[in-house]
């Protein structure tokens, strides 16, 4: 008798947690998706930003950014 009561309680508890789980309704906000650029997009952006007049400055910016990333790595 006690065994049946414990089984019923266990099943009720499992059912409660199962049915009260996450609700995937369409009203929830979508997580932010990262925009991934293609190689052609990167090249077009670089051609628009870098010209012969500011080439040295842009190179220094890139080198500083790389040095900073390397120094941040453990």
N, C-alpha and C. Protein backbone atom coordinates (compact mmCIF):
# COMPACT_ATOMS: atom_id res chain seq x y z
N UNK A 1 0.83 -1.19 0.00
CA UNK A 1 0.00 0.00 0.00
C UNK A 1 0.88 1.26 0.00
N UNK A 2 1.87 1.28 0.90
CA UNK A 2 2.78 2.43 0.98
C UNK A 2 3.56 2.58 -0.32
N UNK A 3 3.91 1.46 -0.91
CA UNK A 3 4.65 1.48 -2.16
C UNK A 3 3.81 2.13 -3.27
N UNK A 4 2.52 1.82 -3.34
CA UNK A 4 1.64 2.40 -4.36
C UNK A 4 1.50 3.91 -4.14
N UNK A 5 1.42 4.35 -2.90
CA UNK A 5 1.30 5.77 -2.59
C UNK A 5 2.57 6.50 -3.01
N UNK A 6 3.72 5.92 -2.71
CA UNK A 6 4.99 6.54 -3.09
C UNK A 6 5.14 6.62 -4.61
N UNK A 7 4.71 5.59 -5.32
CA UNK A 7 4.78 5.58 -6.78
C UNK A 7 3.86 6.66 -7.35
N UNK A 8 2.67 6.79 -6.80
CA UNK A 8 1.73 7.81 -7.27
C UNK A 8 2.29 9.20 -7.02
N UNK A 9 2.88 9.42 -5.85
CA UNK A 9 3.47 10.72 -5.54
C UNK A 9 4.64 11.01 -6.48
N UNK A 10 5.47 10.02 -6.73
CA UNK A 10 6.61 10.20 -7.62
C UNK A 10 6.14 10.51 -9.04
N UNK A 11 5.13 9.80 -9.52
CA UNK A 11 4.61 10.05 -10.86
C UNK A 11 3.96 11.43 -10.95
N UNK A 12 3.26 11.84 -9.91
CA UNK A 12 2.63 13.16 -9.89
C UNK A 12 3.70 14.25 -9.92
N UNK A 13 4.78 14.06 -9.16
CA UNK A 13 5.86 15.03 -9.13
C UNK A 13 6.56 15.12 -10.48
N UNK A 14 6.85 13.99 -11.08
CA UNK A 14 7.50 13.97 -12.39
C UNK A 14 6.60 14.62 -13.44
N UNK A 15 5.30 14.30 -13.40
CA UNK A 15 4.36 14.90 -14.34
C UNK A 15 4.28 16.40 -14.18
N UNK A 16 4.29 16.86 -12.94
CA UNK A 16 4.23 18.30 -12.67
C UNK A 16 5.42 19.00 -13.29
N UNK A 17 6.62 18.48 -13.04
CA UNK A 17 7.82 19.11 -13.59
C UNK A 17 7.87 18.99 -15.11
N UNK A 18 7.38 17.91 -15.65
CA UNK A 18 7.39 17.72 -17.10
C UNK A 18 6.46 18.73 -17.79
N UNK A 19 5.26 18.88 -17.27
CA UNK A 19 4.29 19.77 -17.91
C UNK A 19 4.50 21.25 -17.58
N UNK A 20 5.26 21.55 -16.56
CA UNK A 20 5.52 22.96 -16.24
C UNK A 20 6.87 23.42 -16.77
N UNK A 21 7.44 22.67 -17.68
CA UNK A 21 8.75 23.01 -18.25
C UNK A 21 8.67 24.23 -19.14
N UNK A 22 9.72 24.45 -19.90
CA UNK A 22 9.80 25.62 -20.78
C UNK A 22 8.69 25.58 -21.82
N UNK A 23 8.11 26.73 -22.07
CA UNK A 23 7.07 26.85 -23.06
C UNK A 23 7.66 27.54 -24.27
N UNK A 24 7.64 26.90 -25.40
CA UNK A 24 8.21 27.47 -26.62
C UNK A 24 7.13 28.17 -27.43
N UNK A 25 6.49 29.15 -26.83
CA UNK A 25 5.45 29.88 -27.54
C UNK A 25 6.09 30.90 -28.48
N UNK A 26 5.33 31.30 -29.48
CA UNK A 26 5.86 32.24 -30.45
C UNK A 26 5.93 33.65 -29.90
N UNK A 27 5.35 33.93 -28.75
CA UNK A 27 5.39 35.26 -28.16
C UNK A 27 6.71 35.59 -27.51
N UNK A 28 7.54 34.61 -27.29
CA UNK A 28 8.84 34.86 -26.67
C UNK A 28 9.76 35.56 -27.66
N UNK A 29 10.65 36.37 -27.13
CA UNK A 29 11.61 37.09 -27.97
C UNK A 29 12.64 36.12 -28.53
N UNK A 30 12.99 36.32 -29.76
CA UNK A 30 14.01 35.49 -30.40
C UNK A 30 15.38 35.91 -29.88
N UNK A 31 16.27 34.95 -29.67
CA UNK A 31 17.63 35.33 -29.24
C UNK A 31 18.34 36.07 -30.37
N UNK A 32 19.22 36.96 -29.98
CA UNK A 32 19.97 37.72 -30.98
C UNK A 32 20.86 36.78 -31.78
N UNK A 33 20.76 36.91 -33.09
CA UNK A 33 21.58 36.07 -33.95
C UNK A 33 22.76 36.89 -34.45
N UNK A 34 23.90 36.28 -34.41
CA UNK A 34 25.12 36.94 -34.86
C UNK A 34 25.14 36.99 -36.38
N UNK A 35 25.44 38.16 -36.90
CA UNK A 35 25.51 38.33 -38.35
C UNK A 35 26.91 37.92 -38.80
N UNK A 36 26.97 37.02 -39.75
CA UNK A 36 28.25 36.52 -40.24
C UNK A 36 28.47 37.08 -41.64
N UNK A 37 29.61 37.74 -41.83
CA UNK A 37 29.95 38.32 -43.12
C UNK A 37 30.69 37.31 -43.98
N UNK A 38 30.51 37.46 -45.28
CA UNK A 38 31.26 36.61 -46.20
C UNK A 38 32.60 37.28 -46.52
N UNK A 39 33.48 36.54 -47.13
CA UNK A 39 34.80 37.07 -47.50
C UNK A 39 34.64 38.25 -48.46
N UNK A 40 33.70 38.15 -49.38
CA UNK A 40 33.48 39.24 -50.34
C UNK A 40 33.03 40.51 -49.63
N UNK A 41 32.20 40.37 -48.60
CA UNK A 41 31.75 41.53 -47.84
C UNK A 41 32.91 42.18 -47.10
N UNK A 42 33.78 41.35 -46.50
CA UNK A 42 34.96 41.89 -45.82
C UNK A 42 35.87 42.62 -46.80
N UNK A 43 36.07 42.04 -47.98
CA UNK A 43 36.93 42.68 -48.98
C UNK A 43 36.35 43.99 -49.46
N UNK A 44 35.05 44.04 -49.69
CA UNK A 44 34.41 45.28 -50.14
C UNK A 44 34.50 46.36 -49.07
N UNK A 45 34.32 45.96 -47.82
CA UNK A 45 34.43 46.90 -46.70
C UNK A 45 35.86 47.43 -46.59
N UNK A 46 36.84 46.56 -46.74
CA UNK A 46 38.24 46.98 -46.65
C UNK A 46 38.60 47.92 -47.80
N UNK A 47 38.13 47.62 -49.00
CA UNK A 47 38.41 48.50 -50.14
C UNK A 47 37.79 49.87 -49.95
N UNK A 48 36.63 49.93 -49.32
CA UNK A 48 35.97 51.22 -49.10
C UNK A 48 36.66 52.02 -48.00
N UNK A 49 37.22 51.33 -47.00
CA UNK A 49 37.81 52.02 -45.85
C UNK A 49 39.29 52.35 -46.05
N UNK A 50 40.00 51.50 -46.76
CA UNK A 50 41.46 51.66 -46.86
C UNK A 50 41.81 52.13 -48.28
N UNK A 51 42.58 53.22 -48.32
CA UNK A 51 43.10 53.70 -49.60
C UNK A 51 44.59 53.99 -49.41
N UNK A 52 45.24 54.45 -50.44
CA UNK A 52 46.69 54.67 -50.36
C UNK A 52 47.05 55.77 -49.38
N UNK A 53 46.15 56.71 -49.17
CA UNK A 53 46.45 57.82 -48.28
C UNK A 53 46.42 57.42 -46.80
N UNK A 54 45.51 56.53 -46.43
CA UNK A 54 45.42 56.15 -45.01
C UNK A 54 45.87 54.71 -44.76
N UNK A 55 46.59 54.12 -45.71
CA UNK A 55 47.01 52.73 -45.60
C UNK A 55 47.90 52.50 -44.37
N UNK A 56 48.85 53.37 -44.11
CA UNK A 56 49.75 53.19 -42.98
C UNK A 56 48.99 53.29 -41.65
N UNK A 57 48.06 54.24 -41.56
CA UNK A 57 47.27 54.39 -40.33
C UNK A 57 46.41 53.16 -40.08
N UNK A 58 45.76 52.65 -41.12
CA UNK A 58 44.91 51.46 -40.98
C UNK A 58 45.75 50.25 -40.58
N UNK A 59 46.95 50.13 -41.14
CA UNK A 59 47.83 49.02 -40.79
C UNK A 59 48.21 49.09 -39.32
N UNK A 60 48.50 50.28 -38.82
CA UNK A 60 48.83 50.45 -37.40
C UNK A 60 47.65 50.07 -36.51
N UNK A 61 46.44 50.46 -36.92
CA UNK A 61 45.24 50.10 -36.15
C UNK A 61 45.09 48.59 -36.06
N UNK A 62 45.28 47.92 -37.19
CA UNK A 62 45.14 46.46 -37.23
C UNK A 62 46.21 45.80 -36.36
N UNK A 63 47.45 46.29 -36.45
CA UNK A 63 48.52 45.72 -35.64
C UNK A 63 48.26 45.92 -34.15
N UNK A 64 47.78 47.09 -33.76
CA UNK A 64 47.47 47.35 -32.35
C UNK A 64 46.34 46.43 -31.86
N UNK A 65 45.32 46.25 -32.70
CA UNK A 65 44.21 45.38 -32.32
C UNK A 65 44.68 43.95 -32.14
N UNK A 66 45.55 43.47 -33.04
CA UNK A 66 46.09 42.12 -32.93
C UNK A 66 46.96 41.97 -31.68
N UNK A 67 47.79 42.96 -31.40
CA UNK A 67 48.65 42.91 -30.20
C UNK A 67 47.79 42.87 -28.94
N UNK A 68 46.71 43.64 -28.93
CA UNK A 68 45.82 43.67 -27.78
C UNK A 68 45.14 42.32 -27.59
N UNK A 69 44.68 41.71 -28.69
CA UNK A 69 44.06 40.39 -28.60
C UNK A 69 45.05 39.35 -28.10
N UNK A 70 46.28 39.42 -28.56
CA UNK A 70 47.30 38.45 -28.14
C UNK A 70 47.62 38.63 -26.67
N UNK A 71 47.69 39.87 -26.20
CA UNK A 71 48.02 40.11 -24.80
C UNK A 71 46.88 39.72 -23.87
N UNK A 72 45.63 39.69 -24.36
CA UNK A 72 44.48 39.32 -23.54
C UNK A 72 44.34 37.82 -23.39
N UNK A 73 44.90 37.05 -24.30
CA UNK A 73 44.79 35.60 -24.23
C UNK A 73 45.59 35.07 -23.05
N UNK A 74 45.03 34.07 -22.34
CA UNK A 74 45.75 33.51 -21.16
C UNK A 74 46.92 32.66 -21.54
